[in-house]
C-alpha atoms as a PDB file:
ATOM      1  CA  UNK A   1     134.464  86.648  78.472  1.00  0.00           C
ATOM      2  CA  UNK A   2     134.558  88.066  74.945  1.00  0.00           C
ATOM      3  CA  UNK A   3     132.699  91.363  74.402  1.00  0.00           C
ATOM      4  CA  UNK A   4     129.378  91.183  72.628  1.00  0.00           C
ATOM      5  CA  UNK A   5     129.494  91.509  68.874  1.00  0.00           C
ATOM      6  CA  UNK A   6     128.558  95.032  67.781  1.00  0.00           C
ATOM      7  CA  UNK A   7     126.359  94.436  64.758  1.00  0.00           C
ATOM      8  CA  UNK A   8     124.510  96.909  62.555  1.00  0.00           C
ATOM      9  CA  UNK A   9     121.899  96.443  59.864  1.00  0.00           C
ATOM     10  CA  UNK A  10     120.068  98.673  57.392  1.00  0.00           C
ATOM     11  CA  UNK A  11     116.637  99.577  58.698  1.00  0.00           C
ATOM     12  CA  UNK A  12     114.750  98.577  55.550  1.00  0.00           C
ATOM     13  CA  UNK A  13     112.321  95.766  54.818  1.00  0.00           C
ATOM     14  CA  UNK A  14     114.780  94.231  52.358  1.00  0.00           C
ATOM     15  CA  UNK A  15     117.141  93.264  55.205  1.00  0.00           C
ATOM     16  CA  UNK A  16     114.591  91.364  57.286  1.00  0.00           C
ATOM     17  CA  UNK A  17     115.299  87.909  55.781  1.00  0.00           C
ATOM     18  CA  UNK A  18     118.936  88.387  56.803  1.00  0.00           C
ATOM     19  CA  UNK A  19     118.511  89.714  60.344  1.00  0.00           C
ATOM     20  CA  UNK A  20     115.121  88.601  61.688  1.00  0.00           C
ATOM     21  CA  UNK A  21     115.635  86.431  64.770  1.00  0.00           C
ATOM     22  CA  UNK A  22     119.259  87.428  65.387  1.00  0.00           C
ATOM     23  CA  UNK A  23     119.847  86.566  69.070  1.00  0.00           C
ATOM     24  CA  UNK A  24     121.359  89.808  70.229  1.00  0.00           C
ATOM     25  CA  UNK A  25     121.268  93.577  70.071  1.00  0.00           C
ATOM     26  CA  UNK A  26     121.311  95.133  66.596  1.00  0.00           C
ATOM     27  CA  UNK A  27     121.887  98.780  65.616  1.00  0.00           C
ATOM     28  CA  UNK A  28     119.421  99.701  62.857  1.00  0.00           C
ATOM     29  CA  UNK A  29     120.127 102.798  60.765  1.00  0.00           C
ATOM     30  CA  UNK A  30     120.206 104.164  57.235  1.00  0.00           C
ATOM     31  CA  UNK A  31     122.995 102.792  55.004  1.00  0.00           C
ATOM     32  CA  UNK A  32     125.140 105.950  55.037  1.00  0.00           C
ATOM     33  CA  UNK A  33     125.054 106.151  58.842  1.00  0.00           C
ATOM     34  CA  UNK A  34     125.977 102.494  59.203  1.00  0.00           C
ATOM     35  CA  UNK A  35     128.869 102.852  56.765  1.00  0.00           C
ATOM     36  CA  UNK A  36     130.238 105.696  58.873  1.00  0.00           C
ATOM     37  CA  UNK A  37     129.870 103.758  62.114  1.00  0.00           C
ATOM     38  CA  UNK A  38     131.580 100.727  60.599  1.00  0.00           C
ATOM     39  CA  UNK A  39     134.378 102.857  59.153  1.00  0.00           C
ATOM     40  CA  UNK A  40     134.879 104.575  62.526  1.00  0.00           C
ATOM     41  CA  UNK A  41     135.131 101.242  64.339  1.00  0.00           C
ATOM     42  CA  UNK A  42     131.901 101.738  66.274  1.00  0.00           C
ATOM     43  CA  UNK A  43     130.544  98.490  64.786  1.00  0.00           C
ATOM     44  CA  UNK A  44     132.280  95.141  64.256  1.00  0.00           C
ATOM     45  CA  UNK A  45     130.082  93.913  61.434  1.00  0.00           C
ATOM     46  CA  UNK A  46     127.270  95.501  59.469  1.00  0.00           C
ATOM     47  CA  UNK A  47     124.956  94.913  56.560  1.00  0.00           C
ATOM     48  CA  UNK A  48     125.763  98.009  54.542  1.00  0.00           C
ATOM     49  CA  UNK A  49     125.834  99.441  51.033  1.00  0.00           C
ATOM     50  CA  UNK A  50     128.015  97.395  48.697  1.00  0.00           C
ATOM     51  CA  UNK A  51     129.773 100.577  47.562  1.00  0.00           C
ATOM     52  CA  UNK A  52     131.393 100.813  51.003  1.00  0.00           C
ATOM     53  CA  UNK A  53     133.560  97.800  50.165  1.00  0.00           C
ATOM     54  CA  UNK A  54     134.495  99.200  46.758  1.00  0.00           C
ATOM     55  CA  UNK A  55     135.366 102.527  48.380  1.00  0.00           C
ATOM     56  CA  UNK A  56     137.354 101.058  51.262  1.00  0.00           C
ATOM     57  CA  UNK A  57     138.183  97.371  50.687  1.00  0.00           C
ATOM     58  CA  UNK A  58     139.657  96.672  54.113  1.00  0.00           C
ATOM     59  CA  UNK A  59     136.735  94.482  55.152  1.00  0.00           C
ATOM     60  CA  UNK A  60     135.998  90.782  55.003  1.00  0.00           C
ATOM     61  CA  UNK A  61     132.768  90.001  53.151  1.00  0.00           C
ATOM     62  CA  UNK A  62     130.422  87.333  54.472  1.00  0.00           C
ATOM     63  CA  UNK A  63     130.381  84.883  51.595  1.00  0.00           C
ATOM     64  CA  UNK A  64     127.094  83.723  50.135  1.00  0.00           C
ATOM     65  CA  UNK A  65     124.831  86.424  51.621  1.00  0.00           C
ATOM     66  CA  UNK A  66     123.631  89.695  50.092  1.00  0.00           C
ATOM     67  CA  UNK A  67     120.635  91.839  49.285  1.00  0.00           C
ATOM     68  CA  UNK A  68     120.553  91.745  45.505  1.00  0.00           C
ATOM     69  CA  UNK A  69     118.228  91.713  42.523  1.00  0.00           C
ATOM     70  CA  UNK A  70     118.386  90.123  39.086  1.00  0.00           C
ATOM     71  CA  UNK A  71     115.825  92.500  37.587  1.00  0.00           C
ATOM     72  CA  UNK A  72     113.249  94.950  38.920  1.00  0.00           C
ATOM     73  CA  UNK A  73     113.913  95.574  42.620  1.00  0.00           C
ATOM     74  CA  UNK A  74     110.843  97.812  43.191  1.00  0.00           C
ATOM     75  CA  UNK A  75     112.345  99.796  46.086  1.00  0.00           C
ATOM     76  CA  UNK A  76     115.180 101.650  44.307  1.00  0.00           C
ATOM     77  CA  UNK A  77     113.990 103.860  41.480  1.00  0.00           C
ATOM     78  CA  UNK A  78     113.880 107.226  39.829  1.00  0.00           C
ATOM     79  CA  UNK A  79     110.420 108.815  39.955  1.00  0.00           C
ATOM     80  CA  UNK A  80     109.898 111.159  37.017  1.00  0.00           C
ATOM     81  CA  UNK A  81     107.196 112.781  34.892  1.00  0.00           C
ATOM     82  CA  UNK A  82     108.921 113.013  31.505  1.00  0.00           C
ATOM     83  CA  UNK A  83     111.298 110.820  29.466  1.00  0.00           C
ATOM     84  CA  UNK A  84     114.737 110.567  31.057  1.00  0.00           C
ATOM     85  CA  UNK A  85     116.409 112.466  28.240  1.00  0.00           C
ATOM     86  CA  UNK A  86     114.125 115.425  29.024  1.00  0.00           C
ATOM     87  CA  UNK A  87     114.911 115.387  32.742  1.00  0.00           C
ATOM     88  CA  UNK A  88     116.945 118.421  33.777  1.00  0.00           C
ATOM     89  CA  UNK A  89     117.441 117.800  37.507  1.00  0.00           C
ATOM     90  CA  UNK A  90     117.490 114.771  39.786  1.00  0.00           C
ATOM     91  CA  UNK A  91     117.121 115.028  43.556  1.00  0.00           C
ATOM     92  CA  UNK A  92     119.293 112.360  45.180  1.00  0.00           C
ATOM     93  CA  UNK A  93     118.659 110.472  48.398  1.00  0.00           C
ATOM     94  CA  UNK A  94     121.919 110.788  50.375  1.00  0.00           C
ATOM     95  CA  UNK A  95     121.011 107.816  52.605  1.00  0.00           C
ATOM     96  CA  UNK A  96     122.627 105.293  50.242  1.00  0.00           C
ATOM     97  CA  UNK A  97     125.889 105.834  48.399  1.00  0.00           C
ATOM     98  CA  UNK A  98     125.361 102.587  46.512  1.00  0.00           C
ATOM     99  CA  UNK A  99     122.083 103.701  44.928  1.00  0.00           C
ATOM    100  CA  UNK A 100     123.402 107.195  44.167  1.00  0.00           C
ATOM    101  CA  UNK A 101     126.495 105.829  42.440  1.00  0.00           C
ATOM    102  CA  UNK A 102     124.480 103.147  40.660  1.00  0.00           C
ATOM    103  CA  UNK A 103     122.350 105.954  39.248  1.00  0.00           C
ATOM    104  CA  UNK A 104     125.454 107.923  38.235  1.00  0.00           C
ATOM    105  CA  UNK A 105     126.799 104.891  36.346  1.00  0.00           C
ATOM    106  CA  UNK A 106     123.500 104.191  34.593  1.00  0.00           C
ATOM    107  CA  UNK A 107     123.088 107.809  33.519  1.00  0.00           C
ATOM    108  CA  UNK A 108     126.673 107.976  32.252  1.00  0.00           C
ATOM    109  CA  UNK A 109     126.282 104.745  30.290  1.00  0.00           C
ATOM    110  CA  UNK A 110     123.287 106.364  28.551  1.00  0.00           C
ATOM    111  CA  UNK A 111     125.150 109.671  28.008  1.00  0.00           C
ATOM    112  CA  UNK A 112     122.593 111.535  30.116  1.00  0.00           C
ATOM    113  CA  UNK A 113     123.790 114.503  32.173  1.00  0.00           C
ATOM    114  CA  UNK A 114     121.012 115.986  34.301  1.00  0.00           C
ATOM    115  CA  UNK A 115     121.966 118.179  37.247  1.00  0.00           C
ATOM    116  CA  UNK A 116     122.219 116.116  40.435  1.00  0.00           C
ATOM    117  CA  UNK A 117     121.151 117.709  43.715  1.00  0.00           C
ATOM    118  CA  UNK A 118     121.644 115.993  47.072  1.00  0.00           C
ATOM    119  CA  UNK A 119     118.986 116.802  49.637  1.00  0.00           C
ATOM    120  CA  UNK A 120     116.543 115.139  51.972  1.00  0.00           C
ATOM    121  CA  UNK A 121     113.981 113.327  49.808  1.00  0.00           C
ATOM    122  CA  UNK A 122     110.530 114.851  49.587  1.00  0.00           C
ATOM    123  CA  UNK A 123     107.185 113.143  49.881  1.00  0.00           C
ATOM    124  CA  UNK A 124     105.913 115.430  47.137  1.00  0.00           C
ATOM    125  CA  UNK A 125     105.705 114.195  43.562  1.00  0.00           C
ATOM    126  CA  UNK A 126     108.428 115.559  41.228  1.00  0.00           C
ATOM    127  CA  UNK A 127     107.463 118.437  38.963  1.00  0.00           C
ATOM    128  CA  UNK A 128     108.109 118.898  35.248  1.00  0.00           C
ATOM    129  CA  UNK A 129     111.782 118.513  34.340  1.00  0.00           C
ATOM    130  CA  UNK A 130     112.683 117.068  37.737  1.00  0.00           C
ATOM    131  CA  UNK A 131     113.088 113.543  38.991  1.00  0.00           C
ATOM    132  CA  UNK A 132     113.745 112.032  42.399  1.00  0.00           C
ATOM    133  CA  UNK A 133     115.845 109.049  43.437  1.00  0.00           C
ATOM    134  CA  UNK A 134     114.128 107.048  46.156  1.00  0.00           C
ATOM    135  CA  UNK A 135     115.221 103.992  48.134  1.00  0.00           C
ATOM    136  CA  UNK A 136     114.001 101.717  50.890  1.00  0.00           C
ATOM    137  CA  UNK A 137     110.728 101.572  52.750  1.00  0.00           C
ATOM    138  CA  UNK A 138     109.720 105.147  52.025  1.00  0.00           C
ATOM    139  CA  UNK A 139     110.280 104.438  48.320  1.00  0.00           C
ATOM    140  CA  UNK A 140     107.918 101.466  48.523  1.00  0.00           C
ATOM    141  CA  UNK A 141     105.236 103.572  50.206  1.00  0.00           C
ATOM    142  CA  UNK A 142     105.737 106.411  47.700  1.00  0.00           C
ATOM    143  CA  UNK A 143     105.505 104.041  44.729  1.00  0.00           C
ATOM    144  CA  UNK A 144     102.323 102.459  46.013  1.00  0.00           C
ATOM    145  CA  UNK A 145     100.819 105.888  46.643  1.00  0.00           C
ATOM    146  CA  UNK A 146     101.827 107.356  43.272  1.00  0.00           C
ATOM    147  CA  UNK A 147     101.069 104.318  41.096  1.00  0.00           C
ATOM    148  CA  UNK A 148      99.572 105.422  37.786  1.00  0.00           C
ATOM    149  CA  UNK A 149     100.612 109.058  38.283  1.00  0.00           C
ATOM    150  CA  UNK A 150     104.369 108.918  37.612  1.00  0.00           C
ATOM    151  CA  UNK A 151     106.972 107.020  35.653  1.00  0.00           C
ATOM    152  CA  UNK A 152     109.341 104.798  37.631  1.00  0.00           C
ATOM    153  CA  UNK A 153     112.797 103.896  36.336  1.00  0.00           C
ATOM    154  CA  UNK A 154     113.666 100.808  38.358  1.00  0.00           C
ATOM    155  CA  UNK A 155     117.430 100.792  38.860  1.00  0.00           C
ATOM    156  CA  UNK A 156     117.613  97.040  39.423  1.00  0.00           C
ATOM    157  CA  UNK A 157     116.009  96.435  36.033  1.00  0.00           C
ATOM    158  CA  UNK A 158     118.140  99.128  34.386  1.00  0.00           C
ATOM    159  CA  UNK A 159     121.352  97.565  35.733  1.00  0.00           C
ATOM    160  CA  UNK A 160     120.376  94.128  34.440  1.00  0.00           C
ATOM    161  CA  UNK A 161     119.555  95.570  31.018  1.00  0.00           C
ATOM    162  CA  UNK A 162     122.862  97.455  30.932  1.00  0.00           C
ATOM    163  CA  UNK A 163     125.247  94.769  32.191  1.00  0.00           C
ATOM    164  CA  UNK A 164     123.460  91.423  32.189  1.00  0.00           C
ATOM    165  CA  UNK A 165     124.417  90.911  35.851  1.00  0.00           C
ATOM    166  CA  UNK A 166     122.466  91.005  39.112  1.00  0.00           C
ATOM    167  CA  UNK A 167     123.026  94.102  41.211  1.00  0.00           C
ATOM    168  CA  UNK A 168     124.247  93.764  44.802  1.00  0.00           C
ATOM    169  CA  UNK A 169     122.758  96.474  47.004  1.00  0.00           C
ATOM    170  CA  UNK A 170     124.044  95.375  50.413  1.00  0.00           C
ATOM    171  CA  UNK A 171     126.527  92.912  51.896  1.00  0.00           C
ATOM    172  CA  UNK A 172     127.743  91.951  55.346  1.00  0.00           C
ATOM    173  CA  UNK A 173     131.157  93.504  56.064  1.00  0.00           C
ATOM    174  CA  UNK A 174     133.411  92.540  58.978  1.00  0.00           C
ATOM    175  CA  UNK A 175     136.147  94.868  60.232  1.00  0.00           C
ATOM    176  CA  UNK A 176     139.711  93.548  59.791  1.00  0.00           C
ATOM    177  CA  UNK A 177     140.563  93.468  63.511  1.00  0.00           C
ATOM    178  CA  UNK A 178     137.535  91.344  64.449  1.00  0.00           C
ATOM    179  CA  UNK A 179     138.471  87.850  65.592  1.00  0.00           C
ATOM    180  CA  UNK A 180     136.938  84.685  64.124  1.00  0.00           C
ATOM    181  CA  UNK A 181     135.266  86.212  61.035  1.00  0.00           C
ATOM    182  CA  UNK A 182     134.541  82.704  59.750  1.00  0.00           C
ATOM    183  CA  UNK A 183     132.467  81.896  62.838  1.00  0.00           C
ATOM    184  CA  UNK A 184     130.544  85.173  62.523  1.00  0.00           C
ATOM    185  CA  UNK A 185     129.927  84.474  58.843  1.00  0.00           C
ATOM    186  CA  UNK A 186     128.594  81.014  59.635  1.00  0.00           C
ATOM    187  CA  UNK A 187     126.135  82.467  62.162  1.00  0.00           C
ATOM    188  CA  UNK A 188     124.887  85.059  59.674  1.00  0.00           C
ATOM    189  CA  UNK A 189     124.458  82.458  56.945  1.00  0.00           C
ATOM    190  CA  UNK A 190     122.540  80.258  59.384  1.00  0.00           C
ATOM    191  CA  UNK A 191     120.145  83.107  60.206  1.00  0.00           C
ATOM    192  CA  UNK A 192     119.564  83.757  56.496  1.00  0.00           C
ATOM    193  CA  UNK A 193     119.001  80.074  55.777  1.00  0.00           C
ATOM    194  CA  UNK A 194     116.499  79.685  58.611  1.00  0.00           C
ATOM    195  CA  UNK A 195     114.602  82.812  57.589  1.00  0.00           C
ATOM    196  CA  UNK A 196     114.331  81.729  53.971  1.00  0.00           C
ATOM    197  CA  UNK A 197     113.190  78.292  55.093  1.00  0.00           C
ATOM    198  CA  UNK A 198     110.472  79.883  57.244  1.00  0.00           C
ATOM    199  CA  UNK A 199     109.880  82.996  55.148  1.00  0.00           C
ATOM    200  CA  UNK A 200     106.162  83.102  55.955  1.00  0.00           C
ATOM    201  CA  UNK A 201     107.082  83.694  59.608  1.00  0.00           C
ATOM    202  CA  UNK A 202     109.304  86.617  58.607  1.00  0.00           C
ATOM    203  CA  UNK A 203     106.509  88.000  56.421  1.00  0.00           C
ATOM    204  CA  UNK A 204     103.949  87.746  59.211  1.00  0.00           C
ATOM    205  CA  UNK A 205     106.224  89.723  61.549  1.00  0.00           C
ATOM    206  CA  UNK A 206     106.402  92.820  59.313  1.00  0.00           C
ATOM    207  CA  UNK A 207     104.172  95.605  60.692  1.00  0.00           C
ATOM    208  CA  UNK A 208     104.408  98.206  57.932  1.00  0.00           C
ATOM    209  CA  UNK A 209     103.521  96.330  54.748  1.00  0.00           C
ATOM    210  CA  UNK A 210     100.909  93.768  53.804  1.00  0.00           C
ATOM    211  CA  UNK A 211     101.714  90.077  53.725  1.00  0.00           C
ATOM    212  CA  UNK A 212     100.912  89.978  50.008  1.00  0.00           C
ATOM    213  CA  UNK A 213     103.390  92.743  49.268  1.00  0.00           C
ATOM    214  CA  UNK A 214     106.122  91.232  51.463  1.00  0.00           C
ATOM    215  CA  UNK A 215     105.676  87.882  49.730  1.00  0.00           C
ATOM    216  CA  UNK A 216     106.006  89.543  46.319  1.00  0.00           C
ATOM    217  CA  UNK A 217     108.979  91.626  47.433  1.00  0.00           C
ATOM    218  CA  UNK A 218     110.951  88.840  49.102  1.00  0.00           C
ATOM    219  CA  UNK A 219     110.158  86.159  46.532  1.00  0.00           C
ATOM    220  CA  UNK A 220     110.002  88.050  43.224  1.00  0.00           C
ATOM    221  CA  UNK A 221     112.090  91.212  43.608  1.00  0.00           C
ATOM    222  CA  UNK A 222     115.015  90.253  45.846  1.00  0.00           C
ATOM    223  CA  UNK A 223     117.593  87.525  46.068  1.00  0.00           C
ATOM    224  CA  UNK A 224     119.627  86.928  49.188  1.00  0.00           C
ATOM    225  CA  UNK A 225     122.633  85.114  47.737  1.00  0.00           C
ATOM    226  CA  UNK A 226     126.152  86.309  47.047  1.00  0.00           C
ATOM    227  CA  UNK A 227     127.130  83.641  44.539  1.00  0.00           C
ATOM    228  CA  UNK A 228     129.364  83.895  41.477  1.00  0.00           C
ATOM    229  CA  UNK A 229     126.950  85.973  39.383  1.00  0.00           C
ATOM    230  CA  UNK A 230     126.399  88.444  42.233  1.00  0.00           C
ATOM    231  CA  UNK A 231     130.155  88.703  42.796  1.00  0.00           C
ATOM    232  CA  UNK A 232     130.639  89.389  39.090  1.00  0.00           C
ATOM    233  CA  UNK A 233     127.931  92.050  39.284  1.00  0.00           C
ATOM    234  CA  UNK A 234     129.632  93.758  42.232  1.00  0.00           C
ATOM    235  CA  UNK A 235     132.991  93.771  40.455  1.00  0.00           C
ATOM    236  CA  UNK A 236     131.328  95.154  37.318  1.00  0.00           C
ATOM    237  CA  UNK A 237     129.891  97.967  39.446  1.00  0.00           C
ATOM    238  CA  UNK A 238     133.431  98.754  40.582  1.00  0.00           C
ATOM    239  CA  UNK A 239     134.663  98.823  36.987  1.00  0.00           C
ATOM    240  CA  UNK A 240     131.934 101.267  35.951  1.00  0.00           C
ATOM    241  CA  UNK A 241     132.569 103.442  39.006  1.00  0.00           C
ATOM    242  CA  UNK A 242     136.199 103.693  37.929  1.00  0.00           C
ATOM    243  CA  UNK A 243     135.240 104.308  34.277  1.00  0.00           C
ATOM    244  CA  UNK A 244     132.998 107.219  35.210  1.00  0.00           C
ATOM    245  CA  UNK A 245     135.322 108.841  37.744  1.00  0.00           C
ATOM    246  CA  UNK A 246     133.474 107.797  40.891  1.00  0.00           C
ATOM    247  CA  UNK A 247     136.326 105.603  42.169  1.00  0.00           C
ATOM    248  CA  UNK A 248     140.006 106.272  41.442  1.00  0.00           C
ATOM    249  CA  UNK A 249     141.277 102.699  41.590  1.00  0.00           C
ATOM    250  CA  UNK A 250     140.504  99.338  40.098  1.00  0.00           C
ATOM    251  CA  UNK A 251     138.222  97.112  42.243  1.00  0.00           C
ATOM    252  CA  UNK A 252     140.033  95.207  44.969  1.00  0.00           C
ATOM    253  CA  UNK A 253     139.796  91.412  45.124  1.00  0.00           C
ATOM    254  CA  UNK A 254     137.005  90.107  47.320  1.00  0.00           C
ATOM    255  CA  UNK A 255     138.109  88.895  50.755  1.00  0.00           C
ATOM    256  CA  UNK A 256     135.546  86.301  51.847  1.00  0.00           C
ATOM    257  CA  UNK A 257     134.720  84.430  55.054  1.00  0.00           C
END
């Protein structure tokens, strides 16, 4: 009997249409923790930050499935009080290397050079001259709480304005030694397809956010495809990471299942 598939998934609302109803045990964690577990061989497959593939392209990508946006994503943003060119310091959220390096690319493309500080994100509002990168569910709650008080630079919208492409935040990666990646990919695509077909059921199952917000978030902010435009967006991210000294090598070709 084959051992059970060790599968991990980011613990954010944005992943629910890709994992809800999966018939087995799932490890839920922050993106950086999952990337480490996948890299260490503690997981067979995981929905993780897209930067993990660019950093270490040993994995097979599940074709057709991603967490992406083609404009404002709502849950990945810079909260700030002053114009960006007056911002002196940005507090980074170390939980996601993808969002941190997306921010680095966007700042560099605009020739902005604030001081970047990596620390545990605060629930407090940023003070004058400071800004804070926020991601995931706590970012959603913060944005709802601070609406009208702060400026929010949505990184999904900024990426689209800068490149013209969607941005891919997370993808399913399968370790190279795992057998039958095509069969695993088919199962993950089937879960996504069923959840999008019955998205109101997924929405009703979310305990931490209202149904109205989940409907807006899933339908208007996110896209769950990894089609040609998303692939081009991911490769463009790799090119900009190389351009700005974040990655040393040119992006690897995508290995798909």
